Amino acid sequence: IIAETDDALMERYLDGAELSADEVLEGVRNAVQAGTLIPII
């Protein structure tokens, strides 16, 4: 879901690159804003 929030991120993710901690944080935040992720805690 995080990878789908950004085209460049998606390309790197599909190439097998590991996302950084900052990219994960930003990706979750963007996905929550877009409604594509509802975190369960």
All heavy atoms as atom14 arrays in JSON, in Angstrom:
{
  "sequence": "IIAETDDALMERYLDGAELSADEVLEGVRNAVQAGTLIPII",
  "atom14_mask": [
    [1, 1, 1, 1, 1, 1, 1, 1, 0, 0, 0, 0, 0, 0],
    [1, 1, 1, 1, 1, 1, 1, 1, 0, 0, 0, 0, 0, 0],
    [1, 1, 1, 1, 1, 0, 0, 0, 0, 0, 0, 0, 0, 0],
    [1, 1, 1, 1, 1, 1, 1, 1, 1, 0, 0, 0, 0, 0],
    [1, 1, 1, 1, 1, 1, 1, 0, 0, 0, 0, 0, 0, 0],
    [1, 1, 1, 1, 1, 1, 1, 1, 0, 0, 0, 0, 0, 0],
    [1, 1, 1, 1, 1, 1, 1, 1, 0, 0, 0, 0, 0, 0],
    [1, 1, 1, 1, 1, 0, 0, 0, 0, 0, 0, 0, 0, 0],
    [1, 1, 1, 1, 1, 1, 1, 1, 0, 0, 0, 0, 0, 0],
    [1, 1, 1, 1, 1, 1, 1, 1, 0, 0, 0, 0, 0, 0],
    [1, 1, 1, 1, 1, 1, 1, 1, 1, 0, 0, 0, 0, 0],
    [1, 1, 1, 1, 1, 1, 1, 1, 1, 1, 1, 0, 0, 0],
    [1, 1, 1, 1, 1, 1, 1, 1, 1, 1, 1, 1, 0, 0],
    [1, 1, 1, 1, 1, 1, 1, 1, 0, 0, 0, 0, 0, 0],
    [1, 1, 1, 1, 1, 1, 1, 1, 0, 0, 0, 0, 0, 0],
    [1, 1, 1, 1, 0, 0, 0, 0, 0, 0, 0, 0, 0, 0],
    [1, 1, 1, 1, 1, 0, 0, 0, 0, 0, 0, 0, 0, 0],
    [1, 1, 1, 1, 1, 1, 1, 1, 1, 0, 0, 0, 0, 0],
    [1, 1, 1, 1, 1, 1, 1, 1, 0, 0, 0, 0, 0, 0],
    [1, 1, 1, 1, 1, 1, 0, 0, 0, 0, 0, 0, 0, 0],
    [1, 1, 1, 1, 1, 0, 0, 0, 0, 0, 0, 0, 0, 0],
    [1, 1, 1, 1, 1, 1, 1, 1, 0, 0, 0, 0, 0, 0],
    [1, 1, 1, 1, 1, 1, 1, 1, 1, 0, 0, 0, 0, 0],
    [1, 1, 1, 1, 1, 1, 1, 0, 0, 0, 0, 0, 0, 0],
    [1, 1, 1, 1, 1, 1, 1, 1, 0, 0, 0, 0, 0, 0],
    [1, 1, 1, 1, 1, 1, 1, 1, 1, 0, 0, 0, 0, 0],
    [1, 1, 1, 1, 0, 0, 0, 0, 0, 0, 0, 0, 0, 0],
    [1, 1, 1, 1, 1, 1, 1, 0, 0, 0, 0, 0, 0, 0],
    [1, 1, 1, 1, 1, 1, 1, 1, 1, 1, 1, 0, 0, 0],
    [1, 1, 1, 1, 1, 1, 1, 1, 0, 0, 0, 0, 0, 0],
    [1, 1, 1, 1, 1, 0, 0, 0, 0, 0, 0, 0, 0, 0],
    [1, 1, 1, 1, 1, 1, 1, 0, 0, 0, 0, 0, 0, 0],
    [1, 1, 1, 1, 1, 1, 1, 1, 1, 0, 0, 0, 0, 0],
    [1, 1, 1, 1, 1, 0, 0, 0, 0, 0, 0, 0, 0, 0],
    [1, 1, 1, 1, 0, 0, 0, 0, 0, 0, 0, 0, 0, 0],
    [1, 1, 1, 1, 1, 1, 1, 0, 0, 0, 0, 0, 0, 0],
    [1, 1, 1, 1, 1, 1, 1, 1, 0, 0, 0, 0, 0, 0],
    [1, 1, 1, 1, 1, 1, 1, 1, 0, 0, 0, 0, 0, 0],
    [1, 1, 1, 1, 1, 1, 1, 0, 0, 0, 0, 0, 0, 0],
    [1, 1, 1, 1, 1, 1, 1, 1, 0, 0, 0, 0, 0, 0],
    [1, 1, 1, 1, 1, 1, 1, 1, 0, 0, 0, 0, 0, 0]
  ],
  "atom14_positions": [
    [[0.84, -1.21, 0.0], [0.0, 0.0, 0.0], [0.87, 1.25, 0.0], [0.59, 2.22, -0.72], [-0.94, -0.01, 1.22], [-1.99, -1.12, 1.07], [-1.62, 1.34, 1.39], [-2.88, -1.3, 2.28], [0.0, 0.0, 0.0], [0.0, 0.0, 0.0], [0.0, 0.0, 0.0], [0.0, 0.0, 0.0], [0.0, 0.0, 0.0], [0.0, 0.0, 0.0]],
    [[1.95, 1.24, 0.81], [2.85, 2.39, 0.87], [3.44, 2.66, -0.5], [3.51, 3.82, -0.96], [3.97, 2.14, 1.91], [3.4, 2.16, 3.32], [5.08, 3.18, 1.77], [4.41, 1.76, 4.38], [0.0, 0.0, 0.0], [0.0, 0.0, 0.0], [0.0, 0.0, 0.0], [0.0, 0.0, 0.0], [0.0, 0.0, 0.0], [0.0, 0.0, 0.0]],
    [[3.89, 1.63, -1.18], [4.52, 1.8, -2.49], [3.57, 2.44, -3.49], [4.0, 3.21, -4.37], [5.01, 0.45, -3.01], [0.0, 0.0, 0.0], [0.0, 0.0, 0.0], [0.0, 0.0, 0.0], [0.0, 0.0, 0.0], [0.0, 0.0, 0.0], [0.0, 0.0, 0.0], [0.0, 0.0, 0.0], [0.0, 0.0, 0.0], [0.0, 0.0, 0.0]],
    [[2.29, 2.16, -3.35], [1.3, 2.69, -4.29], [1.05, 4.18, -4.11], [0.4, 4.82, -4.94], [-0.02, 1.92, -4.15], [0.07, 0.48, -4.64], [-1.2, -0.31, -4.35], [-2.13, 0.28, -3.77], [-1.25, -1.5, -4.71], [0.0, 0.0, 0.0], [0.0, 0.0, 0.0], [0.0, 0.0, 0.0], [0.0, 0.0, 0.0], [0.0, 0.0, 0.0]],
    [[1.54, 4.77, -3.0], [1.3, 6.2, -2.76], [2.22, 7.08, -3.6], [2.0, 8.29, -3.68], [1.51, 6.54, -1.27], [2.88, 6.28, -0.9], [0.58, 5.74, -0.39], [0.0, 0.0, 0.0], [0.0, 0.0, 0.0], [0.0, 0.0, 0.0], [0.0, 0.0, 0.0], [0.0, 0.0, 0.0], [0.0, 0.0, 0.0], [0.0, 0.0, 0.0]],
    [[3.28, 6.5, -4.22], [4.24, 7.32, -4.96], [4.82, 6.47, -6.1], [5.28, 5.35, -5.87], [5.36, 7.78, -4.02], [6.35, 8.69, -4.72], [6.12, 9.91, -4.75], [7.36, 8.16, -5.23], [0.0, 0.0, 0.0], [0.0, 0.0, 0.0], [0.0, 0.0, 0.0], [0.0, 0.0, 0.0], [0.0, 0.0, 0.0], [0.0, 0.0, 0.0]],
    [[4.79, 7.02, -7.32], [5.24, 6.25, -8.48], [6.72, 5.88, -8.38], [7.12, 4.74, -8.69], [5.0, 7.05, -9.77], [3.52, 7.17, -10.09], [2.74, 6.35, -9.56], [3.15, 8.07, -10.86], [0.0, 0.0, 0.0], [0.0, 0.0, 0.0], [0.0, 0.0, 0.0], [0.0, 0.0, 0.0], [0.0, 0.0, 0.0], [0.0, 0.0, 0.0]],
    [[7.54, 6.84, -7.92], [8.97, 6.56, -7.81], [9.23, 5.49, -6.75], [10.07, 4.61, -6.93], [9.72, 7.85, -7.46], [0.0, 0.0, 0.0], [0.0, 0.0, 0.0], [0.0, 0.0, 0.0], [0.0, 0.0, 0.0], [0.0, 0.0, 0.0], [0.0, 0.0, 0.0], [0.0, 0.0, 0.0], [0.0, 0.0, 0.0], [0.0, 0.0, 0.0]],
    [[8.46, 5.58, -5.67], [8.59, 4.59, -4.61], [8.18, 3.22, -5.11], [8.81, 2.2, -4.79], [7.72, 5.02, -3.42], [8.17, 4.61, -2.01], [9.52, 5.22, -1.69], [7.14, 5.08, -0.99], [0.0, 0.0, 0.0], [0.0, 0.0, 0.0], [0.0, 0.0, 0.0], [0.0, 0.0, 0.0], [0.0, 0.0, 0.0], [0.0, 0.0, 0.0]],
    [[7.1, 3.17, -5.89], [6.62, 1.91, -6.44], [7.69, 1.26, -7.33], [7.94, 0.05, -7.25], [5.34, 2.15, -7.25], [4.86, 0.93, -8.03], [4.33, -0.43, -6.96], [2.65, 0.12, -6.58], [0.0, 0.0, 0.0], [0.0, 0.0, 0.0], [0.0, 0.0, 0.0], [0.0, 0.0, 0.0], [0.0, 0.0, 0.0], [0.0, 0.0, 0.0]],
    [[8.35, 2.08, -8.14], [9.37, 1.54, -9.04], [10.53, 0.94, -8.24], [11.0, -0.17, -8.55], [9.88, 2.66, -9.96], [10.81, 2.16, -11.05], [11.17, 3.27, -12.03], [10.44, 4.29, -12.06], [12.17, 3.1, -12.76], [0.0, 0.0, 0.0], [0.0, 0.0, 0.0], [0.0, 0.0, 0.0], [0.0, 0.0, 0.0], [0.0, 0.0, 0.0]],
    [[10.99, 1.64, -7.22], [12.07, 1.13, -6.39], [11.64, -0.14, -5.65], [12.41, -1.1, -5.51], [12.5, 2.19, -5.36], [13.26, 3.35, -5.97], [13.75, 4.32, -4.9], [14.48, 3.6, -3.87], [14.24, 3.72, -2.56], [13.28, 4.51, -2.14], [14.95, 3.02, -1.68], [0.0, 0.0, 0.0], [0.0, 0.0, 0.0], [0.0, 0.0, 0.0]],
    [[10.41, -0.12, -5.16], [9.9, -1.26, -4.39], [9.81, -2.51, -5.28], [10.18, -3.61, -4.86], [8.54, -0.9, -3.81], [7.91, -1.99, -2.96], [8.45, -2.35, -1.74], [6.76, -2.64, -3.41], [7.87, -3.34, -0.96], [6.16, -3.64, -2.64], [6.71, -3.98, -1.41], [6.14, -4.96, -0.64], [0.0, 0.0, 0.0], [0.0, 0.0, 0.0]],
    [[9.35, -2.32, -6.52], [9.24, -3.46, -7.43], [10.61, -3.99, -7.84], [10.76, -5.17, -8.19], [8.44, -3.05, -8.68], [6.94, -2.76, -8.45], [6.29, -2.29, -9.73], [6.23, -4.0, -7.91], [0.0, 0.0, 0.0], [0.0, 0.0, 0.0], [0.0, 0.0, 0.0], [0.0, 0.0, 0.0], [0.0, 0.0, 0.0], [0.0, 0.0, 0.0]],
    [[11.61, -3.1, -7.79], [12.98, -3.53, -8.1], [13.64, -4.24, -6.92], [14.82, -4.65, -7.02], [13.83, -2.33, -8.5], [13.45, -1.79, -9.87], [12.81, -2.55, -10.64], [13.75, -0.63, -10.17], [0.0, 0.0, 0.0], [0.0, 0.0, 0.0], [0.0, 0.0, 0.0], [0.0, 0.0, 0.0], [0.0, 0.0, 0.0], [0.0, 0.0, 0.0]],
    [[12.91, -4.37, -5.81], [13.43, -5.1, -4.66], [14.15, -4.25, -3.64], [14.73, -4.78, -2.68], [0.0, 0.0, 0.0], [0.0, 0.0, 0.0], [0.0, 0.0, 0.0], [0.0, 0.0, 0.0], [0.0, 0.0, 0.0], [0.0, 0.0, 0.0], [0.0, 0.0, 0.0], [0.0, 0.0, 0.0], [0.0, 0.0, 0.0], [0.0, 0.0, 0.0]],
    [[14.15, -2.91, -3.82], [14.83, -2.04, -2.86], [14.07, -2.02, -1.55], [12.83, -2.05, -1.52], [14.95, -0.63, -3.42], [0.0, 0.0, 0.0], [0.0, 0.0, 0.0], [0.0, 0.0, 0.0], [0.0, 0.0, 0.0], [0.0, 0.0, 0.0], [0.0, 0.0, 0.0], [0.0, 0.0, 0.0], [0.0, 0.0, 0.0], [0.0, 0.0, 0.0]],
    [[14.78, -1.93, -0.44], [14.15, -1.86, 0.87], [13.87, -0.4, 1.2], [14.73, 0.47, 1.06], [15.07, -2.47, 1.93], [14.42, -2.55, 3.31], [15.27, -3.32, 4.3], [16.11, -4.15, 3.85], [15.11, -3.11, 5.5], [0.0, 0.0, 0.0], [0.0, 0.0, 0.0], [0.0, 0.0, 0.0], [0.0, 0.0, 0.0], [0.0, 0.0, 0.0]],
    [[12.65, -0.11, 1.63], [12.27, 1.27, 1.94], [12.89, 1.69, 3.26], [12.94, 0.91, 4.22], [10.75, 1.41, 2.01], [9.96, 0.96, 0.77], [8.47, 1.23, 0.95], [10.47, 1.67, -0.48], [0.0, 0.0, 0.0], [0.0, 0.0, 0.0], [0.0, 0.0, 0.0], [0.0, 0.0, 0.0], [0.0, 0.0, 0.0], [0.0, 0.0, 0.0]],
    [[13.33, 2.95, 3.32], [13.91, 3.47, 4.55], [12.83, 3.71, 5.59], [11.62, 3.77, 5.27], [14.66, 4.77, 4.27], [13.74, 5.8, 3.93], [0.0, 0.0, 0.0], [0.0, 0.0, 0.0], [0.0, 0.0, 0.0], [0.0, 0.0, 0.0], [0.0, 0.0, 0.0], [0.0, 0.0, 0.0], [0.0, 0.0, 0.0], [0.0, 0.0, 0.0]],
    [[13.24, 3.89, 6.84], [12.29, 4.15, 7.92], [11.5, 5.43, 7.64], [10.29, 5.49, 7.87], [13.02, 4.25, 9.25], [0.0, 0.0, 0.0], [0.0, 0.0, 0.0], [0.0, 0.0, 0.0], [0.0, 0.0, 0.0], [0.0, 0.0, 0.0], [0.0, 0.0, 0.0], [0.0, 0.0, 0.0], [0.0, 0.0, 0.0], [0.0, 0.0, 0.0]],
    [[12.19, 6.46, 7.12], [11.49, 7.73, 6.81], [10.48, 7.53, 5.68], [9.39, 8.12, 5.7], [12.51, 8.8, 6.43], [13.32, 9.3, 7.62], [12.86, 9.08, 8.78], [14.39, 9.89, 7.4], [0.0, 0.0, 0.0], [0.0, 0.0, 0.0], [0.0, 0.0, 0.0], [0.0, 0.0, 0.0], [0.0, 0.0, 0.0], [0.0, 0.0, 0.0]],
    [[10.85, 6.72, 4.69], [9.92, 6.47, 3.59], [8.7, 5.7, 4.06], [7.57, 5.95, 3.6], [10.63, 5.7, 2.47], [11.62, 6.54, 1.69], [12.41, 5.71, 0.69], [12.69, 4.53, 0.98], [12.75, 6.25, -0.39], [0.0, 0.0, 0.0], [0.0, 0.0, 0.0], [0.0, 0.0, 0.0], [0.0, 0.0, 0.0], [0.0, 0.0, 0.0]],
    [[8.89, 4.78, 4.99], [7.76, 4.03, 5.55], [6.83, 4.97, 6.32], [5.61, 4.92, 6.15], [8.26, 2.88, 6.45], [7.09, 2.26, 7.21], [8.98, 1.83, 5.62], [0.0, 0.0, 0.0], [0.0, 0.0, 0.0], [0.0, 0.0, 0.0], [0.0, 0.0, 0.0], [0.0, 0.0, 0.0], [0.0, 0.0, 0.0], [0.0, 0.0, 0.0]],
    [[7.42, 5.83, 7.16], [6.61, 6.77, 7.94], [5.8, 7.68, 7.02], [4.6, 7.87, 7.2], [7.5, 7.6, 8.86], [8.12, 6.9, 10.06], [9.06, 7.83, 10.8], [7.03, 6.4, 11.01], [0.0, 0.0, 0.0], [0.0, 0.0, 0.0], [0.0, 0.0, 0.0], [0.0, 0.0, 0.0], [0.0, 0.0, 0.0], [0.0, 0.0, 0.0]],
    [[6.49, 8.25, 6.02], [5.8, 9.15, 5.1], [4.75, 8.4, 4.29], [3.65, 8.91, 4.04], [6.82, 9.8, 4.17], [6.24, 10.83, 3.2], [5.72, 12.07, 3.89], [6.13, 12.32, 5.06], [4.89, 12.78, 3.29], [0.0, 0.0, 0.0], [0.0, 0.0, 0.0], [0.0, 0.0, 0.0], [0.0, 0.0, 0.0], [0.0, 0.0, 0.0]],
    [[5.06, 7.16, 3.89], [4.12, 6.38, 3.11], [2.87, 6.02, 3.89], [1.75, 6.09, 3.36], [0.0, 0.0, 0.0], [0.0, 0.0, 0.0], [0.0, 0.0, 0.0], [0.0, 0.0, 0.0], [0.0, 0.0, 0.0], [0.0, 0.0, 0.0], [0.0, 0.0, 0.0], [0.0, 0.0, 0.0], [0.0, 0.0, 0.0], [0.0, 0.0, 0.0]],
    [[3.03, 5.64, 5.16], [1.85, 5.33, 5.99], [1.0, 6.58, 6.16], [-0.23, 6.53, 6.06], [2.29, 4.77, 7.36], [1.09, 4.67, 8.3], [2.94, 3.39, 7.2], [0.0, 0.0, 0.0], [0.0, 0.0, 0.0], [0.0, 0.0, 0.0], [0.0, 0.0, 0.0], [0.0, 0.0, 0.0], [0.0, 0.0, 0.0], [0.0, 0.0, 0.0]],
    [[1.65, 7.72, 6.43], [0.92, 8.97, 6.63], [0.12, 9.33, 5.38], [-1.05, 9.72, 5.45], [1.89, 10.09, 6.99], [1.21, 11.37, 7.46], [2.24, 12.46, 7.79], [3.16, 12.02, 8.83], [4.48, 11.92, 8.67], [5.02, 12.22, 7.5], [5.25, 11.54, 9.65], [0.0, 0.0, 0.0], [0.0, 0.0, 0.0], [0.0, 0.0, 0.0]],
    [[0.75, 9.19, 4.21], [0.05, 9.51, 2.95], [-1.1, 8.54, 2.69], [-2.16, 8.93, 2.19], [1.03, 9.47, 1.78], [2.03, 10.61, 1.83], [1.77, 11.65, 2.46], [3.18, 10.45, 1.18], [0.0, 0.0, 0.0], [0.0, 0.0, 0.0], [0.0, 0.0, 0.0], [0.0, 0.0, 0.0], [0.0, 0.0, 0.0], [0.0, 0.0, 0.0]],
    [[-0.89, 7.27, 3.02], [-1.95, 6.27, 2.8], [-3.12, 6.5, 3.74], [-4.29, 6.32, 3.35], [-1.38, 4.86, 2.99], [0.0, 0.0, 0.0], [0.0, 0.0, 0.0], [0.0, 0.0, 0.0], [0.0, 0.0, 0.0], [0.0, 0.0, 0.0], [0.0, 0.0, 0.0], [0.0, 0.0, 0.0], [0.0, 0.0, 0.0], [0.0, 0.0, 0.0]],
    [[-2.84, 6.92, 4.99], [-3.93, 7.24, 5.92], [-4.72, 8.43, 5.4], [-5.96, 8.46, 5.43], [-3.37, 7.53, 7.33], [-4.45, 8.12, 8.23], [-2.81, 6.25, 7.95], [0.0, 0.0, 0.0], [0.0, 0.0, 0.0], [0.0, 0.0, 0.0], [0.0, 0.0, 0.0], [0.0, 0.0, 0.0], [0.0, 0.0, 0.0], [0.0, 0.0, 0.0]],
    [[-4.01, 9.43, 4.89], [-4.68, 10.61, 4.34], [-5.55, 10.25, 3.14], [-6.67, 10.74, 3.01], [-3.65, 11.66, 3.94], [-4.28, 12.93, 3.35], [-3.22, 13.93, 2.9], [-2.02, 13.71, 3.09], [-3.65, 15.03, 2.29], [0.0, 0.0, 0.0], [0.0, 0.0, 0.0], [0.0, 0.0, 0.0], [0.0, 0.0, 0.0], [0.0, 0.0, 0.0]],
    [[-5.05, 9.36, 2.29], [-5.79, 8.97, 1.09], [-6.91, 7.99, 1.39], [-7.77, 7.74, 0.54], [-4.83, 8.37, 0.07], [0.0, 0.0, 0.0], [0.0, 0.0, 0.0], [0.0, 0.0, 0.0], [0.0, 0.0, 0.0], [0.0, 0.0, 0.0], [0.0, 0.0, 0.0], [0.0, 0.0, 0.0], [0.0, 0.0, 0.0], [0.0, 0.0, 0.0]],
    [[-6.9, 7.4, 2.59], [-7.91, 6.42, 2.95], [-7.63, 5.03, 2.42], [-8.48, 4.14, 2.51], [0.0, 0.0, 0.0], [0.0, 0.0, 0.0], [0.0, 0.0, 0.0], [0.0, 0.0, 0.0], [0.0, 0.0, 0.0], [0.0, 0.0, 0.0], [0.0, 0.0, 0.0], [0.0, 0.0, 0.0], [0.0, 0.0, 0.0], [0.0, 0.0, 0.0]],
    [[-6.42, 4.82, 1.87], [-6.08, 3.49, 1.35], [-5.51, 2.58, 2.44], [-5.31, 1.39, 2.21], [-5.06, 3.61, 0.21], [-3.9, 4.31, 0.68], [-5.66, 4.37, -0.97], [0.0, 0.0, 0.0], [0.0, 0.0, 0.0], [0.0, 0.0, 0.0], [0.0, 0.0, 0.0], [0.0, 0.0, 0.0], [0.0, 0.0, 0.0], [0.0, 0.0, 0.0]],
    [[-5.24, 3.14, 3.62], [-4.77, 2.35, 4.76], [-5.46, 2.83, 6.02], [-5.5, 4.04, 6.29], [-3.25, 2.47, 4.92], [-2.65, 1.8, 6.17], [-2.87, 0.29, 6.13], [-1.16, 2.12, 6.31], [0.0, 0.0, 0.0], [0.0, 0.0, 0.0], [0.0, 0.0, 0.0], [0.0, 0.0, 0.0], [0.0, 0.0, 0.0], [0.0, 0.0, 0.0]],
    [[-6.02, 1.9, 6.75], [-6.59, 2.18, 8.07], [-5.81, 1.33, 9.07], [-6.05, 0.12, 9.17], [-8.09, 1.87, 8.11], [-8.84, 2.76, 7.11], [-8.64, 2.07, 9.53], [-10.31, 2.45, 7.0], [0.0, 0.0, 0.0], [0.0, 0.0, 0.0], [0.0, 0.0, 0.0], [0.0, 0.0, 0.0], [0.0, 0.0, 0.0], [0.0, 0.0, 0.0]],
    [[-4.83, 1.93, 9.77], [-4.0, 1.15, 10.69], [-4.81, 0.57, 11.85], [-5.66, 1.24, 12.42], [-2.97, 2.17, 11.19], [-3.02, 3.3, 10.21], [-4.42, 3.33, 9.71], [0.0, 0.0, 0.0], [0.0, 0.0, 0.0], [0.0, 0.0, 0.0], [0.0, 0.0, 0.0], [0.0, 0.0, 0.0], [0.0, 0.0, 0.0], [0.0, 0.0, 0.0]],
    [[-4.54, -0.68, 12.17], [-5.11, -1.33, 13.35], [-4.01, -1.38, 14.41], [-2.89, -1.8, 14.14], [-5.6, -2.75, 13.03], [-6.75, -2.69, 12.0], [-6.07, -3.45, 14.3], [-7.22, -4.06, 11.54], [0.0, 0.0, 0.0], [0.0, 0.0, 0.0], [0.0, 0.0, 0.0], [0.0, 0.0, 0.0], [0.0, 0.0, 0.0], [0.0, 0.0, 0.0]],
    [[-4.35, -0.96, 15.63], [-3.38, -0.87, 16.71], [-3.91, -1.68, 17.9], [-5.1, -1.59, 18.25], [-3.14, 0.6, 17.11], [-2.64, 1.37, 15.89], [-2.14, 0.7, 18.25], [-2.72, 2.86, 16.02], [0.0, 0.0, 0.0], [0.0, 0.0, 0.0], [0.0, 0.0, 0.0], [0.0, 0.0, 0.0], [0.0, 0.0, 0.0], [0.0, 0.0, 0.0]]
  ]
}
